[in-house]
Amino acid sequence: MTPEGWLTEPEAATLRRHAKGRCLEVGTAYGRSASVLAPLVDTLWCVDPHDTFDTWGEFLRWLTEADVRNVIPIRAKFEDATGLLPSGFDFAFIDGCHKYESVRSDLTRAAMGCPLIALHDFGYVAYPGVRQAVEEFLAANPKWSMVDQGGMIAVLKRKITL
């Protein structure tokens, strides 16, 4: 069973190229991207208030029916879930609220403890705030660069300096 969602196959392929280890997903909805990420990672923390769409029940049903055991669902906004999350991640996927302020906040928060971040809907004309937040983040943070793009997903990586 594959959950409903908006993730395309080229975007799923982009996630598959980068997902690893301890993973954070901000914005889960029905769980489509979680169904791509979960088999690839050790543990997946899925953070979503499930208030834009009433998707909490569908998401939990998928976790149960698919017998997914490495997903930790957290029904909260990312900024409210800090105390429920570990201090660092190997990979983060941001697909929460698409308003500029929210994307900027989610990206900044995730970048504090994660060296590899993918963002959904980068370049989608209906959500210009995603592109704006990413471009401003990259301009203000020279240690970060865009390393991949597939479909509407941009992947950012923190450069390692010795």
C-alpha atoms as a PDB file:
ATOM      1  CA  MET A   1       0.000   0.000   0.000  1.00  0.00           C
ATOM      2  CA  THR A   2       1.412   3.365  -1.050  1.00  0.00           C
ATOM      3  CA  PRO A   3      -0.029   6.363   0.787  1.00  0.00           C
ATOM      4  CA  GLU A   4      -1.601   9.251  -1.095  1.00  0.00           C
ATOM      5  CA  GLY A   5       0.509  12.326  -1.656  1.00  0.00           C
ATOM      6  CA  TRP A   6       2.088  14.729  -4.081  1.00  0.00           C
ATOM      7  CA  LEU A   7       5.591  13.270  -4.392  1.00  0.00           C
ATOM      8  CA  THR A   8       6.441  12.312  -7.975  1.00  0.00           C
ATOM      9  CA  GLU A   9       8.700   9.424  -9.010  1.00  0.00           C
ATOM     10  CA  PRO A  10      11.587  11.742 -10.082  1.00  0.00           C
ATOM     11  CA  GLU A  11      11.345  13.416  -6.675  1.00  0.00           C
ATOM     12  CA  ALA A  12      11.294  10.035  -4.919  1.00  0.00           C
ATOM     13  CA  ALA A  13      14.432   9.113  -6.867  1.00  0.00           C
ATOM     14  CA  THR A  14      16.116  12.283  -5.599  1.00  0.00           C
ATOM     15  CA  LEU A  15      15.262  11.356  -2.015  1.00  0.00           C
ATOM     16  CA  ARG A  16      16.563   7.815  -2.561  1.00  0.00           C
ATOM     17  CA  ARG A  17      19.939   9.203  -3.674  1.00  0.00           C
ATOM     18  CA  HIS A  18      20.465  11.070  -0.406  1.00  0.00           C
ATOM     19  CA  ALA A  19      18.424   9.641   2.487  1.00  0.00           C
ATOM     20  CA  LYS A  20      20.431   7.852   5.158  1.00  0.00           C
ATOM     21  CA  GLY A  21      20.877   7.252   8.872  1.00  0.00           C
ATOM     22  CA  ARG A  22      18.807   9.326  11.238  1.00  0.00           C
ATOM     23  CA  CYS A  23      16.245  11.194   9.177  1.00  0.00           C
ATOM     24  CA  LEU A  24      13.830  14.032   9.873  1.00  0.00           C
ATOM     25  CA  GLU A  25      10.742  14.730   7.810  1.00  0.00           C
ATOM     26  CA  VAL A  26       8.941  18.042   8.342  1.00  0.00           C
ATOM     27  CA  GLY A  27       5.516  17.787   6.744  1.00  0.00           C
ATOM     28  CA  THR A  28       4.242  14.241   6.376  1.00  0.00           C
ATOM     29  CA  ALA A  29       0.571  14.497   5.362  1.00  0.00           C
ATOM     30  CA  TYR A  30      -0.585  11.023   4.264  1.00  0.00           C
ATOM     31  CA  GLY A  31       2.925   9.542   4.389  1.00  0.00           C
ATOM     32  CA  ARG A  32       3.873   9.208   0.727  1.00  0.00           C
ATOM     33  CA  SER A  33       7.391  10.601   1.172  1.00  0.00           C
ATOM     34  CA  ALA A  34       7.732   8.705   4.455  1.00  0.00           C
ATOM     35  CA  SER A  35       7.008   5.503   2.511  1.00  0.00           C
ATOM     36  CA  VAL A  36      10.009   6.331   0.299  1.00  0.00           C
ATOM     37  CA  LEU A  37      12.299   7.371   3.153  1.00  0.00           C
ATOM     38  CA  ALA A  38      11.534   4.710   5.788  1.00  0.00           C
ATOM     39  CA  PRO A  39      13.115   1.731   3.959  1.00  0.00           C
ATOM     40  CA  LEU A  40      16.324   3.726   3.411  1.00  0.00           C
ATOM     41  CA  VAL A  41      17.007   5.099   6.876  1.00  0.00           C
ATOM     42  CA  ASP A  42      17.658   3.782  10.371  1.00  0.00           C
ATOM     43  CA  THR A  43      14.999   5.931  12.026  1.00  0.00           C
ATOM     44  CA  LEU A  44      12.600   8.489  10.557  1.00  0.00           C
ATOM     45  CA  TRP A  45      11.051  11.188  12.728  1.00  0.00           C
ATOM     46  CA  CYS A  46       7.908  12.508  10.972  1.00  0.00           C
ATOM     47  CA  VAL A  47       6.814  15.901  12.297  1.00  0.00           C
ATOM     48  CA  ASP A  48       3.499  17.336  11.138  1.00  0.00           C
ATOM     49  CA  PRO A  49       0.583  18.984  12.978  1.00  0.00           C
ATOM     50  CA  HIS A  50      -1.777  17.389  10.411  1.00  0.00           C
ATOM     51  CA  ASP A  51      -3.939  20.502  10.566  1.00  0.00           C
ATOM     52  CA  THR A  52      -3.924  21.726   6.944  1.00  0.00           C
ATOM     53  CA  PHE A  53      -5.294  18.396   5.786  1.00  0.00           C
ATOM     54  CA  ASP A  54      -6.842  15.961   8.248  1.00  0.00           C
ATOM     55  CA  THR A  55      -4.284  13.263   7.477  1.00  0.00           C
ATOM     56  CA  TRP A  56      -3.253  11.973  10.922  1.00  0.00           C
ATOM     57  CA  GLY A  57      -5.553   8.938  10.839  1.00  0.00           C
ATOM     58  CA  GLU A  58      -4.536   7.981   7.287  1.00  0.00           C
ATOM     59  CA  PHE A  59      -0.857   8.310   8.183  1.00  0.00           C
ATOM     60  CA  LEU A  60      -1.198   6.116  11.287  1.00  0.00           C
ATOM     61  CA  ARG A  61      -3.241   3.569   9.321  1.00  0.00           C
ATOM     62  CA  TRP A  62      -0.441   3.317   6.728  1.00  0.00           C
ATOM     63  CA  LEU A  63       2.180   2.839   9.456  1.00  0.00           C
ATOM     64  CA  THR A  64       0.114   0.003  10.943  1.00  0.00           C
ATOM     65  CA  GLU A  65      -0.934  -1.720   7.721  1.00  0.00           C
ATOM     66  CA  ALA A  66       2.557  -1.534   6.217  1.00  0.00           C
ATOM     67  CA  ASP A  67       4.096  -2.659   9.542  1.00  0.00           C
ATOM     68  CA  VAL A  68       6.565   0.233   9.495  1.00  0.00           C
ATOM     69  CA  ARG A  69       8.573   0.110  12.698  1.00  0.00           C
ATOM     70  CA  ASN A  70      11.328   2.683  12.232  1.00  0.00           C
ATOM     71  CA  VAL A  71       9.057   5.746  12.004  1.00  0.00           C
ATOM     72  CA  ILE A  72       8.393   7.973  14.983  1.00  0.00           C
ATOM     73  CA  PRO A  73       5.281  10.074  14.262  1.00  0.00           C
ATOM     74  CA  ILE A  74       5.094  13.412  16.049  1.00  0.00           C
ATOM     75  CA  ARG A  75       1.904  15.431  15.721  1.00  0.00           C
ATOM     76  CA  ALA A  76       3.246  18.963  16.198  1.00  0.00           C
ATOM     77  CA  LYS A  77       4.700  21.914  14.365  1.00  0.00           C
ATOM     78  CA  PHE A  78       8.460  21.615  13.890  1.00  0.00           C
ATOM     79  CA  GLU A  79       9.193  24.575  16.152  1.00  0.00           C
ATOM     80  CA  ASP A  80       7.114  22.947  18.915  1.00  0.00           C
ATOM     81  CA  ALA A  81       8.706  19.498  18.538  1.00  0.00           C
ATOM     82  CA  THR A  82      12.285  20.411  19.419  1.00  0.00           C
ATOM     83  CA  GLY A  83      12.176  18.684  22.815  1.00  0.00           C
ATOM     84  CA  LEU A  84      10.840  15.500  21.210  1.00  0.00           C
ATOM     85  CA  LEU A  85      13.625  15.198  18.647  1.00  0.00           C
ATOM     86  CA  PRO A  86      17.269  14.107  18.895  1.00  0.00           C
ATOM     87  CA  SER A  87      19.960  16.747  18.613  1.00  0.00           C
ATOM     88  CA  GLY A  88      21.107  15.807  15.117  1.00  0.00           C
ATOM     89  CA  PHE A  89      20.142  14.105  11.889  1.00  0.00           C
ATOM     90  CA  ASP A  90      21.981  12.760   8.858  1.00  0.00           C
ATOM     91  CA  PHE A  91      19.279  13.868   6.424  1.00  0.00           C
ATOM     92  CA  ALA A  92      16.186  16.091   6.570  1.00  0.00           C
ATOM     93  CA  PHE A  93      13.291  16.465   4.158  1.00  0.00           C
ATOM     94  CA  ILE A  94      11.280  19.676   4.491  1.00  0.00           C
ATOM     95  CA  ASP A  95       7.804  19.732   3.005  1.00  0.00           C
ATOM     96  CA  GLY A  96       5.748  21.540   5.640  1.00  0.00           C
ATOM     97  CA  CYS A  97       4.047  24.894   5.333  1.00  0.00           C
ATOM     98  CA  HIS A  98       5.133  26.494   2.048  1.00  0.00           C
ATOM     99  CA  LYS A  99       4.927  30.109   3.163  1.00  0.00           C
ATOM    100  CA  TYR A 100       8.258  31.925   3.024  1.00  0.00           C
ATOM    101  CA  GLU A 101       8.500  32.552   6.778  1.00  0.00           C
ATOM    102  CA  SER A 102       7.759  28.921   7.598  1.00  0.00           C
ATOM    103  CA  VAL A 103      10.216  27.523   5.062  1.00  0.00           C
ATOM    104  CA  ARG A 104      12.916  29.912   6.260  1.00  0.00           C
ATOM    105  CA  SER A 105      12.297  28.909   9.873  1.00  0.00           C
ATOM    106  CA  ASP A 106      12.194  25.163   9.118  1.00  0.00           C
ATOM    107  CA  LEU A 107      15.345  25.333   6.984  1.00  0.00           C
ATOM    108  CA  THR A 108      17.282  27.373   9.544  1.00  0.00           C
ATOM    109  CA  ARG A 109      16.207  25.076  12.376  1.00  0.00           C
ATOM    110  CA  ALA A 110      17.067  21.893  10.441  1.00  0.00           C
ATOM    111  CA  ALA A 111      20.447  23.260   9.324  1.00  0.00           C
ATOM    112  CA  MET A 112      21.568  23.599  12.943  1.00  0.00           C
ATOM    113  CA  GLY A 113      21.791  19.830  13.336  1.00  0.00           C
ATOM    114  CA  CYS A 114      21.787  18.314   9.872  1.00  0.00           C
ATOM    115  CA  PRO A 115      24.372  18.465   7.055  1.00  0.00           C
ATOM    116  CA  LEU A 116      22.054  17.383   4.212  1.00  0.00           C
ATOM    117  CA  ILE A 117      18.595  18.859   3.610  1.00  0.00           C
ATOM    118  CA  ALA A 118      16.078  18.341   0.818  1.00  0.00           C
ATOM    119  CA  LEU A 119      13.178  20.735   0.286  1.00  0.00           C
ATOM    120  CA  HIS A 120      10.043  19.971  -1.695  1.00  0.00           C
ATOM    121  CA  ASP A 121       8.293  22.389  -4.054  1.00  0.00           C
ATOM    122  CA  PHE A 122      11.428  24.351  -4.904  1.00  0.00           C
ATOM    123  CA  GLY A 123      10.572  26.081  -8.161  1.00  0.00           C
ATOM    124  CA  TYR A 124       6.840  25.415  -7.959  1.00  0.00           C
ATOM    125  CA  VAL A 125       5.182  28.689  -9.010  1.00  0.00           C
ATOM    126  CA  ALA A 126       2.335  28.301  -6.523  1.00  0.00           C
ATOM    127  CA  TYR A 127       4.854  28.368  -3.642  1.00  0.00           C
ATOM    128  CA  PRO A 128       7.431  31.082  -4.407  1.00  0.00           C
ATOM    129  CA  GLY A 129       8.359  31.246  -0.726  1.00  0.00           C
ATOM    130  CA  VAL A 130      10.206  27.945  -0.968  1.00  0.00           C
ATOM    131  CA  ARG A 131      12.608  29.171  -3.660  1.00  0.00           C
ATOM    132  CA  GLN A 132      13.006  32.541  -1.949  1.00  0.00           C
ATOM    133  CA  ALA A 133      13.854  30.965   1.412  1.00  0.00           C
ATOM    134  CA  VAL A 134      16.349  28.548  -0.166  1.00  0.00           C
ATOM    135  CA  GLU A 135      18.096  31.206  -2.249  1.00  0.00           C
ATOM    136  CA  GLU A 136      18.359  33.600   0.699  1.00  0.00           C
ATOM    137  CA  PHE A 137      19.628  30.806   2.944  1.00  0.00           C
ATOM    138  CA  LEU A 138      22.343  29.868   0.446  1.00  0.00           C
ATOM    139  CA  ALA A 139      23.356  33.516  -0.036  1.00  0.00           C
ATOM    140  CA  ALA A 140      23.662  34.030   3.728  1.00  0.00           C
ATOM    141  CA  ASN A 141      25.371  30.704   4.453  1.00  0.00           C
ATOM    142  CA  PRO A 142      28.405  30.164   2.179  1.00  0.00           C
ATOM    143  CA  LYS A 143      29.171  26.821   3.843  1.00  0.00           C
ATOM    144  CA  TRP A 144      26.026  25.445   2.189  1.00  0.00           C
ATOM    145  CA  SER A 145      25.453  24.679  -1.488  1.00  0.00           C
ATOM    146  CA  MET A 146      22.813  23.079  -3.674  1.00  0.00           C
ATOM    147  CA  VAL A 147      24.136  19.670  -4.677  1.00  0.00           C
ATOM    148  CA  ASP A 148      21.162  18.103  -6.444  1.00  0.00           C
ATOM    149  CA  GLN A 149      17.772  18.907  -7.873  1.00  0.00           C
ATOM    150  CA  GLY A 150      15.148  16.456  -9.077  1.00  0.00           C
ATOM    151  CA  GLY A 151      11.604  17.372  -9.954  1.00  0.00           C
ATOM    152  CA  MET A 152      10.616  20.031  -7.452  1.00  0.00           C
ATOM    153  CA  ILE A 153      13.187  18.942  -4.848  1.00  0.00           C
ATOM    154  CA  ALA A 154      16.348  20.897  -4.068  1.00  0.00           C
ATOM    155  CA  VAL A 155      19.059  19.207  -1.998  1.00  0.00           C
ATOM    156  CA  LEU A 156      21.395  21.357   0.085  1.00  0.00           C
ATOM    157  CA  LYS A 157      24.625  20.198   1.700  1.00  0.00           C
ATOM    158  CA  ARG A 158      26.875  21.802   4.261  1.00  0.00           C
ATOM    159  CA  LYS A 159      30.442  21.896   2.996  1.00  0.00           C
ATOM    160  CA  ILE A 160      32.982  20.199   5.194  1.00  0.00           C
ATOM    161  CA  THR A 161      35.980  22.343   6.017  1.00  0.00           C
ATOM    162  CA  LEU A 162      39.166  20.920   7.503  1.00  0.00           C
END
